[in-house]
Protein backbone atom coordinates (compact mmCIF):
# COMPACT_ATOMS: atom_id res chain seq x y z
CA MET A 1 15.05 10.40 2.48
CA SER A 2 15.62 12.45 5.56
CA TRP A 3 14.53 11.67 9.10
CA GLY A 4 11.72 13.71 10.61
CA TRP A 5 8.78 13.53 12.97
CA GLU A 6 5.05 14.22 12.79
CA TYR A 7 1.80 14.01 14.72
CA LEU A 8 -0.47 11.23 13.49
CA PRO A 9 -3.26 11.53 12.43
CA SER A 10 -2.88 15.33 12.85
CA LYS A 11 -1.54 17.89 15.29
CA ALA A 12 -5.04 19.10 16.19
CA HIS A 13 -6.25 15.56 16.87
CA VAL A 14 -3.23 14.47 18.92
CA THR A 15 -2.60 17.62 20.95
CA GLY A 16 -6.23 18.47 21.72
CA GLY A 17 -5.59 21.98 23.01
CA ALA A 18 -2.58 21.17 25.20
CA PRO A 19 -0.69 24.21 26.53
CA ALA A 20 1.80 25.78 24.12
CA ALA A 21 4.75 25.49 26.54
CA PHE A 22 4.08 21.78 26.96
CA LEU A 23 3.85 21.26 23.20
CA ALA A 24 7.13 23.12 22.73
CA ALA A 25 8.75 20.64 25.14
CA VAL A 26 7.18 17.71 23.28
CA GLU A 27 8.43 19.00 19.94
CA HIS A 28 11.92 19.62 21.33
CA LYS A 29 12.03 16.03 22.61
CA ALA A 30 10.74 14.82 19.22
CA GLU A 31 13.73 16.48 17.55
CA GLU A 32 16.04 14.65 19.97
CA LEU A 33 14.31 11.35 19.17
CA VAL A 34 14.79 11.99 15.45
CA ARG A 35 18.52 12.51 15.93
CA ALA A 36 18.76 9.34 18.04
CA ALA A 37 16.79 7.26 15.52
CA GLU A 38 18.89 8.59 12.66
CA THR A 39 22.04 7.50 14.49
CA LEU A 40 20.62 4.08 15.40
CA HIS A 41 19.22 3.34 11.93
CA LEU A 42 21.93 4.54 9.55
CA ASP A 43 20.08 3.02 6.58
CA GLY A 44 16.50 3.50 7.71
CA ALA A 45 15.00 3.07 4.24
CA GLY A 46 16.70 -0.34 3.96
CA TYR A 47 15.52 -1.50 7.40
CA GLN A 48 14.30 -5.10 7.50
CA GLY A 49 12.20 -6.62 10.23
CA SER A 50 9.27 -5.66 12.36
CA GLY A 51 8.81 -2.11 13.53
CA GLU A 52 9.69 -0.86 16.96
CA PRO A 53 7.10 -0.91 19.77
CA MET A 54 5.27 2.18 20.95
CA ARG A 55 7.07 3.98 23.74
CA TYR A 56 6.12 6.65 26.25
CA ILE A 57 8.28 9.53 27.43
CA ASP A 58 7.78 12.07 30.23
CA VAL A 59 7.96 15.73 29.28
CA ALA A 60 7.30 18.81 31.46
CA GLY A 61 4.90 17.03 33.83
CA GLY A 62 2.96 15.24 31.07
CA LEU A 63 3.87 12.53 28.62
CA PHE A 64 3.56 11.47 25.02
CA ALA A 65 3.43 8.20 23.12
CA TYR A 66 5.56 7.68 20.03
CA TYR A 67 6.96 5.03 17.78
CA VAL A 68 9.75 4.92 15.24
CA VAL A 69 9.17 3.76 11.65
CA PRO A 70 12.70 3.13 10.33
CA ARG A 71 11.65 2.39 6.73
CA LEU A 72 9.93 5.77 6.51
CA GLU A 73 12.67 7.46 8.55
CA LEU A 74 9.95 8.88 10.77
CA VAL A 75 9.19 9.35 14.45
CA VAL A 76 5.41 9.37 14.96
CA ILE A 77 3.78 11.08 17.94
CA CYS A 78 0.36 9.51 18.35
CA GLN A 79 -0.82 10.58 21.83
CA VAL A 80 -0.13 13.54 24.09
CA THR A 81 -1.18 13.71 27.74
CA ALA A 82 -0.76 17.28 28.95
CA PRO A 83 -0.18 18.25 32.58
CA PRO A 84 -3.27 19.34 34.51
CA THR A 85 -4.04 23.04 34.28
């Protein structure tokens, strides 16, 4: 397996028309989170125990909610709150 990230349930559902520049910042931060999770969980597929809690991170005036699923080697973005337009 290889670590990655995705919007769940879908990009359209999670992003809801957020500005492209904001989404670019979210996706850049998601890549950073993937690298961090990969370093923290060297054997993600063999991870034992409960999953990690949902976390929130500020990006470009907005924020997004994510959680890490080590066994799937996946960072999941489940909510995006875009800055006001």
